[in-house]
PDB file of N, CA and C in Angstrom:
ATOM      1  N   MET A   1     -58.140 262.350   4.434  1.00  0.00           N
ATOM      2  CA  MET A   1     -58.034 261.035   3.840  1.00  0.00           C
ATOM      3  C   MET A   1     -57.953 260.013   4.961  1.00  0.00           C
ATOM      4  N   ARG A   2     -58.623 258.899   4.753  1.00  0.00           N
ATOM      5  CA  ARG A   2     -58.523 257.776   5.685  1.00  0.00           C
ATOM      6  C   ARG A   2     -58.445 256.509   4.840  1.00  0.00           C
ATOM      7  N   LEU A   3     -57.311 255.853   4.891  1.00  0.00           N
ATOM      8  CA  LEU A   3     -57.104 254.626   4.133  1.00  0.00           C
ATOM      9  C   LEU A   3     -56.665 253.534   5.095  1.00  0.00           C
ATOM     10  N   TYR A   4     -57.514 252.520   5.238  1.00  0.00           N
ATOM     11  CA  TYR A   4     -57.160 251.403   6.106  1.00  0.00           C
ATOM     12  C   TYR A   4     -56.198 250.497   5.361  1.00  0.00           C
ATOM     13  N   VAL A   5     -55.059 250.230   5.978  1.00  0.00           N
ATOM     14  CA  VAL A   5     -54.042 249.352   5.405  1.00  0.00           C
ATOM     15  C   VAL A   5     -54.081 248.064   6.219  1.00  0.00           C
ATOM     16  N   ASP A   6     -54.771 247.086   5.675  1.00  0.00           N
ATOM     17  CA  ASP A   6     -55.054 245.841   6.382  1.00  0.00           C
ATOM     18  C   ASP A   6     -53.788 245.148   6.886  1.00  0.00           C
ATOM     19  N   THR A   7     -52.801 245.011   6.025  1.00  0.00           N
ATOM     20  CA  THR A   7     -51.597 244.269   6.412  1.00  0.00           C
ATOM     21  C   THR A   7     -50.795 244.958   7.518  1.00  0.00           C
ATOM     22  N   MET A   8     -51.000 246.256   7.677  1.00  0.00           N
ATOM     23  CA  MET A   8     -50.323 246.994   8.746  1.00  0.00           C
ATOM     24  C   MET A   8     -51.254 247.214   9.936  1.00  0.00           C
ATOM     25  N   ASP A   9     -52.536 246.881   9.776  1.00  0.00           N
ATOM     26  CA  ASP A   9     -53.559 247.151  10.776  1.00  0.00           C
ATOM     27  C   ASP A   9     -53.443 248.602  11.247  1.00  0.00           C
ATOM     28  N   ALA A  10     -53.423 249.503  10.246  1.00  0.00           N
ATOM     29  CA  ALA A  10     -53.248 250.930  10.521  1.00  0.00           C
ATOM     30  C   ALA A  10     -54.087 251.736   9.544  1.00  0.00           C
ATOM     31  N   VAL A  11     -54.362 252.976   9.923  1.00  0.00           N
ATOM     32  CA  VAL A  11     -55.114 253.884   9.064  1.00  0.00           C
ATOM     33  C   VAL A  11     -54.208 255.053   8.695  1.00  0.00           C
ATOM     34  N   LEU A  12     -53.998 255.224   7.404  1.00  0.00           N
ATOM     35  CA  LEU A  12     -53.244 256.358   6.913  1.00  0.00           C
ATOM     36  C   LEU A  12     -54.189 257.550   6.896  1.00  0.00           C
ATOM     37  N   VAL A  13     -53.787 258.659   7.525  1.00  0.00           N
ATOM     38  CA  VAL A  13     -54.666 259.825   7.617  1.00  0.00           C
ATOM     39  C   VAL A  13     -54.147 261.031   6.842  1.00  0.00           C
ATOM     40  N   GLU A  14     -52.849 261.084   6.574  1.00  0.00           N
ATOM     41  CA  GLU A  14     -52.272 262.191   5.812  1.00  0.00           C
ATOM     42  C   GLU A  14     -51.019 261.713   5.114  1.00  0.00           C
ATOM     43  N   TYR A  15     -50.647 262.449   4.063  1.00  0.00           N
ATOM     44  CA  TYR A  15     -49.398 262.159   3.371  1.00  0.00           C
ATOM     45  C   TYR A  15     -48.841 263.458   2.812  1.00  0.00           C
ATOM     46  N   GLU A  16     -47.564 263.462   2.531  1.00  0.00           N
ATOM     47  CA  GLU A  16     -46.884 264.606   1.929  1.00  0.00           C
ATOM     48  C   GLU A  16     -46.289 264.165   0.592  1.00  0.00           C
ATOM     49  N   SER A  17     -46.077 265.109  -0.289  1.00  0.00           N
ATOM     50  CA  SER A  17     -45.546 264.788  -1.613  1.00  0.00           C
ATOM     51  C   SER A  17     -44.127 264.229  -1.561  1.00  0.00           C
ATOM     52  N   ASP A  18     -43.438 264.417  -0.443  1.00  0.00           N
ATOM     53  CA  ASP A  18     -42.087 263.873  -0.310  1.00  0.00           C
ATOM     54  C   ASP A  18     -42.093 262.399   0.108  1.00  0.00           C
ATOM     55  N   GLY A  19     -43.299 261.810   0.282  1.00  0.00           N
ATOM     56  CA  GLY A  19     -43.402 260.386   0.608  1.00  0.00           C
ATOM     57  C   GLY A  19     -43.669 260.087   2.070  1.00  0.00           C
ATOM     58  N   ARG A  20     -43.605 261.109   2.914  1.00  0.00           N
ATOM     59  CA  ARG A  20     -43.898 260.874   4.329  1.00  0.00           C
ATOM     60  C   ARG A  20     -45.386 260.627   4.510  1.00  0.00           C
ATOM     61  N   VAL A  21     -45.708 259.802   5.493  1.00  0.00           N
ATOM     62  CA  VAL A  21     -47.105 259.511   5.796  1.00  0.00           C
ATOM     63  C   VAL A  21     -47.343 259.683   7.286  1.00  0.00           C
ATOM     64  N   LYS A  22     -48.610 259.895   7.611  1.00  0.00           N
ATOM     65  CA  LYS A  22     -49.003 259.978   9.014  1.00  0.00           C
ATOM     66  C   LYS A  22     -50.098 258.953   9.226  1.00  0.00           C
ATOM     67  N   LEU A  23     -49.849 258.048  10.144  1.00  0.00           N
ATOM     68  CA  LEU A  23     -50.829 257.042  10.505  1.00  0.00           C
ATOM     69  C   LEU A  23     -51.613 257.541  11.704  1.00  0.00           C
ATOM     70  N   ASP A  24     -52.842 257.095  11.823  1.00  0.00           N
ATOM     71  CA  ASP A  24     -53.715 257.520  12.913  1.00  0.00           C
ATOM     72  C   ASP A  24     -53.036 257.276  14.260  1.00  0.00           C
ATOM     73  N   GLY A  25     -52.894 258.328  15.039  1.00  0.00           N
ATOM     74  CA  GLY A  25     -52.302 258.230  16.365  1.00  0.00           C
ATOM     75  C   GLY A  25     -50.787 258.196  16.396  1.00  0.00           C
ATOM     76  N   GLU A  26     -50.139 258.401  15.244  1.00  0.00           N
ATOM     77  CA  GLU A  26     -48.674 258.365  15.182  1.00  0.00           C
ATOM     78  C   GLU A  26     -48.142 259.648  14.566  1.00  0.00           C
ATOM     79  N   ASP A  27     -46.828 259.828  14.667  1.00  0.00           N
ATOM     80  CA  ASP A  27     -46.167 260.991  14.074  1.00  0.00           C
ATOM     81  C   ASP A  27     -45.855 260.721  12.606  1.00  0.00           C
ATOM     82  N   TRP A  28     -45.440 261.775  11.915  1.00  0.00           N
ATOM     83  CA  TRP A  28     -45.022 261.637  10.522  1.00  0.00           C
ATOM     84  C   TRP A  28     -43.863 260.663  10.428  1.00  0.00           C
ATOM     85  N   MET A  29     -43.841 259.870   9.362  1.00  0.00           N
ATOM     86  CA  MET A  29     -42.750 258.903   9.169  1.00  0.00           C
ATOM     87  C   MET A  29     -42.529 258.671   7.688  1.00  0.00           C
ATOM     88  N   MET A  30     -41.342 258.210   7.364  1.00  0.00           N
ATOM     89  CA  MET A  30     -41.028 257.778   6.012  1.00  0.00           C
ATOM     90  C   MET A  30     -41.192 256.254   6.017  1.00  0.00           C
ATOM     91  N   PRO A  31     -42.195 255.727   5.305  1.00  0.00           N
ATOM     92  CA  PRO A  31     -42.448 254.288   5.363  1.00  0.00           C
ATOM     93  C   PRO A  31     -41.320 253.482   4.726  1.00  0.00           C
ATOM     94  N   SER A  32     -41.118 252.289   5.269  1.00  0.00           N
ATOM     95  CA  SER A  32     -40.138 251.368   4.705  1.00  0.00           C
ATOM     96  C   SER A  32     -40.659 250.866   3.357  1.00  0.00           C
ATOM     97  N   LEU A  33     -39.843 250.152   2.627  1.00  0.00           N
ATOM     98  CA  LEU A  33     -40.257 249.590   1.344  1.00  0.00           C
ATOM     99  C   LEU A  33     -41.478 248.689   1.517  1.00  0.00           C
ATOM    100  N   GLN A  34     -41.458 247.843   2.529  1.00  0.00           N
ATOM    101  CA  GLN A  34     -42.572 246.937   2.786  1.00  0.00           C
ATOM    102  C   GLN A  34     -43.841 247.722   3.142  1.00  0.00           C
ATOM    103  N   GLU A  35     -43.703 248.763   3.937  1.00  0.00           N
ATOM    104  CA  GLU A  35     -44.853 249.601   4.292  1.00  0.00           C
ATOM    105  C   GLU A  35     -45.397 250.341   3.080  1.00  0.00           C
ATOM    106  N   ARG A  36     -44.490 250.853   2.232  1.00  0.00           N
ATOM    107  CA  ARG A  36     -44.938 251.527   1.003  1.00  0.00           C
ATOM    108  C   ARG A  36     -45.720 250.574   0.116  1.00  0.00           C
ATOM    109  N   ARG A  37     -45.245 249.358  -0.015  1.00  0.00           N
ATOM    110  CA  ARG A  37     -45.952 248.362  -0.830  1.00  0.00           C
ATOM    111  C   ARG A  37     -47.328 248.060  -0.251  1.00  0.00           C
ATOM    112  N   ALA A  38     -47.423 247.957   1.065  1.00  0.00           N
ATOM    113  CA  ALA A  38     -48.711 247.687   1.713  1.00  0.00           C
ATOM    114  C   ALA A  38     -49.674 248.852   1.499  1.00  0.00           C
ATOM    115  N   ILE A  39     -49.177 250.076   1.607  1.00  0.00           N
ATOM    116  CA  ILE A  39     -50.010 251.258   1.402  1.00  0.00           C
ATOM    117  C   ILE A  39     -50.473 251.335  -0.046  1.00  0.00           C
ATOM    118  N   LEU A  40     -49.567 251.103  -0.980  1.00  0.00           N
ATOM    119  CA  LEU A  40     -49.930 251.132  -2.394  1.00  0.00           C
ATOM    120  C   LEU A  40     -50.964 250.066  -2.733  1.00  0.00           C
ATOM    121  N   HIS A  41     -50.801 248.881  -2.187  1.00  0.00           N
ATOM    122  CA  HIS A  41     -51.764 247.800  -2.426  1.00  0.00           C
ATOM    123  C   HIS A  41     -53.140 248.183  -1.878  1.00  0.00           C
ATOM    124  N   ALA A  42     -53.181 248.719  -0.675  1.00  0.00           N
ATOM    125  CA  ALA A  42     -54.454 249.131  -0.076  1.00  0.00           C
ATOM    126  C   ALA A  42     -55.105 250.241  -0.902  1.00  0.00           C
ATOM    127  N   ALA A  43     -54.301 251.189  -1.367  1.00  0.00           N
ATOM    128  CA  ALA A  43     -54.833 252.295  -2.166  1.00  0.00           C
ATOM    129  C   ALA A  43     -55.381 251.784  -3.492  1.00  0.00           C
ATOM    130  N   GLN A  44     -54.654 250.894  -4.150  1.00  0.00           N
ATOM    131  CA  GLN A  44     -55.111 250.363  -5.431  1.00  0.00           C
ATOM    132  C   GLN A  44     -56.401 249.569  -5.261  1.00  0.00           C
ATOM    133  N   THR A  45     -56.493 248.782  -4.203  1.00  0.00           N
ATOM    134  CA  THR A  45     -57.707 248.023  -3.927  1.00  0.00           C
ATOM    135  C   THR A  45     -58.878 248.965  -3.692  1.00  0.00           C
ATOM    136  N   GLN A  46     -58.640 250.033  -2.948  1.00  0.00           N
ATOM    137  CA  GLN A  46     -59.697 251.015  -2.670  1.00  0.00           C
ATOM    138  C   GLN A  46     -60.146 251.707  -3.954  1.00  0.00           C
ATOM    139  N   ILE A  47     -59.201 252.049  -4.826  1.00  0.00           N
ATOM    140  CA  ILE A  47     -59.537 252.674  -6.109  1.00  0.00           C
ATOM    141  C   ILE A  47     -60.438 251.754  -6.923  1.00  0.00           C
ATOM    142  N   GLU A  48     -60.089 250.478  -6.992  1.00  0.00           N
ATOM    143  CA  GLU A  48     -60.893 249.521  -7.753  1.00  0.00           C
ATOM    144  C   GLU A  48     -62.301 249.393  -7.174  1.00  0.00           C
ATOM    145  N   GLN A  49     -62.411 249.353  -5.862  1.00  0.00           N
ATOM    146  CA  GLN A  49     -63.721 249.248  -5.231  1.00  0.00           C
ATOM    147  C   GLN A  49     -64.552 250.511  -5.482  1.00  0.00           C
ATOM    148  N   LEU A  50     -63.916 251.659  -5.431  1.00  0.00           N
ATOM    149  CA  LEU A  50     -64.628 252.911  -5.696  1.00  0.00           C
ATOM    150  C   LEU A  50     -65.067 253.001  -7.160  1.00  0.00           C
ATOM    151  N   GLN A  51     -64.236 252.512  -8.078  1.00  0.00           N
ATOM    152  CA  GLN A  51     -64.627 252.500  -9.489  1.00  0.00           C
ATOM    153  C   GLN A  51     -65.846 251.601  -9.688  1.00  0.00           C
ATOM    154  N   ASP A  52     -65.871 250.448  -9.035  1.00  0.00           N
ATOM    155  CA  ASP A  52     -67.026 249.556  -9.111  1.00  0.00           C
ATOM    156  C   ASP A  52     -68.279 250.242  -8.561  1.00  0.00           C
ATOM    157  N   LEU A  53     -68.135 250.960  -7.458  1.00  0.00           N
ATOM    158  CA  LEU A  53     -69.261 251.675  -6.870  1.00  0.00           C
ATOM    159  C   LEU A  53     -69.793 252.739  -7.825  1.00  0.00           C
ATOM    160  N   VAL A  54     -68.886 253.509  -8.425  1.00  0.00           N
ATOM    161  CA  VAL A  54     -69.299 254.549  -9.372  1.00  0.00           C
ATOM    162  C   VAL A  54     -70.052 253.922 -10.540  1.00  0.00           C
ATOM    163  N   LEU A  55     -69.534 252.832 -11.072  1.00  0.00           N
ATOM    164  CA  LEU A  55     -70.215 252.167 -12.188  1.00  0.00           C
ATOM    165  C   LEU A  55     -71.597 251.674 -11.781  1.00  0.00           C
ATOM    166  N   ALA A  56     -71.700 251.099 -10.601  1.00  0.00           N
ATOM    167  CA  ALA A  56     -72.976 250.567 -10.132  1.00  0.00           C
ATOM    168  C   ALA A  56     -73.992 251.683  -9.916  1.00  0.00           C
ATOM    169  N   LEU A  57     -73.561 252.801  -9.363  1.00  0.00           N
ATOM    170  CA  LEU A  57     -74.478 253.892  -9.075  1.00  0.00           C
ATOM    171  C   LEU A  57     -74.756 254.759 -10.294  1.00  0.00           C
ATOM    172  N   ASP A  58     -73.835 254.779 -11.226  1.00  0.00           N
ATOM    173  CA  ASP A  58     -73.974 255.623 -12.408  1.00  0.00           C
ATOM    174  C   ASP A  58     -74.834 254.969 -13.484  1.00  0.00           C
ATOM    175  N   SER A  59     -75.000 253.664 -13.414  1.00  0.00           N
ATOM    176  CA  SER A  59     -75.777 252.991 -14.449  1.00  0.00           C
ATOM    177  C   SER A  59     -77.264 253.212 -14.208  1.00  0.00           C
ATOM    178  N   ASP A  60     -78.012 253.241 -15.296  1.00  0.00           N
ATOM    179  CA  ASP A  60     -79.459 253.426 -15.230  1.00  0.00           C
ATOM    180  C   ASP A  60     -80.101 252.066 -14.976  1.00  0.00           C
ATOM    181  N   PRO A  61     -80.782 251.895 -13.841  1.00  0.00           N
ATOM    182  CA  PRO A  61     -81.367 250.587 -13.540  1.00  0.00           C
ATOM    183  C   PRO A  61     -82.427 250.155 -14.550  1.00  0.00           C
ATOM    184  N   GLY A  62     -82.972 251.095 -15.337  1.00  0.00           N
ATOM    185  CA  GLY A  62     -83.975 250.758 -16.336  1.00  0.00           C
ATOM    186  C   GLY A  62     -83.389 250.272 -17.649  1.00  0.00           C
ATOM    187  N   GLU A  63     -82.068 250.315 -17.763  1.00  0.00           N
ATOM    188  CA  GLU A  63     -81.424 249.900 -19.031  1.00  0.00           C
ATOM    189  C   GLU A  63     -81.350 248.406 -19.141  1.00  0.00           C
TER     190      GLU A  63
END
């Protein structure tokens, strides 16, 4: 996984179910509340963009 978190200027590369995350070039850490919010916002934005992409590519251009 690679998720760019704009507000942190960091790339999340791994996560664990206990909430720990690993940023590119850093060790495992438990993100602060502010960091968790930034990661969640980036993830939600990415999900929305991917849903738009799926809709655009899945539609029949002849319709």
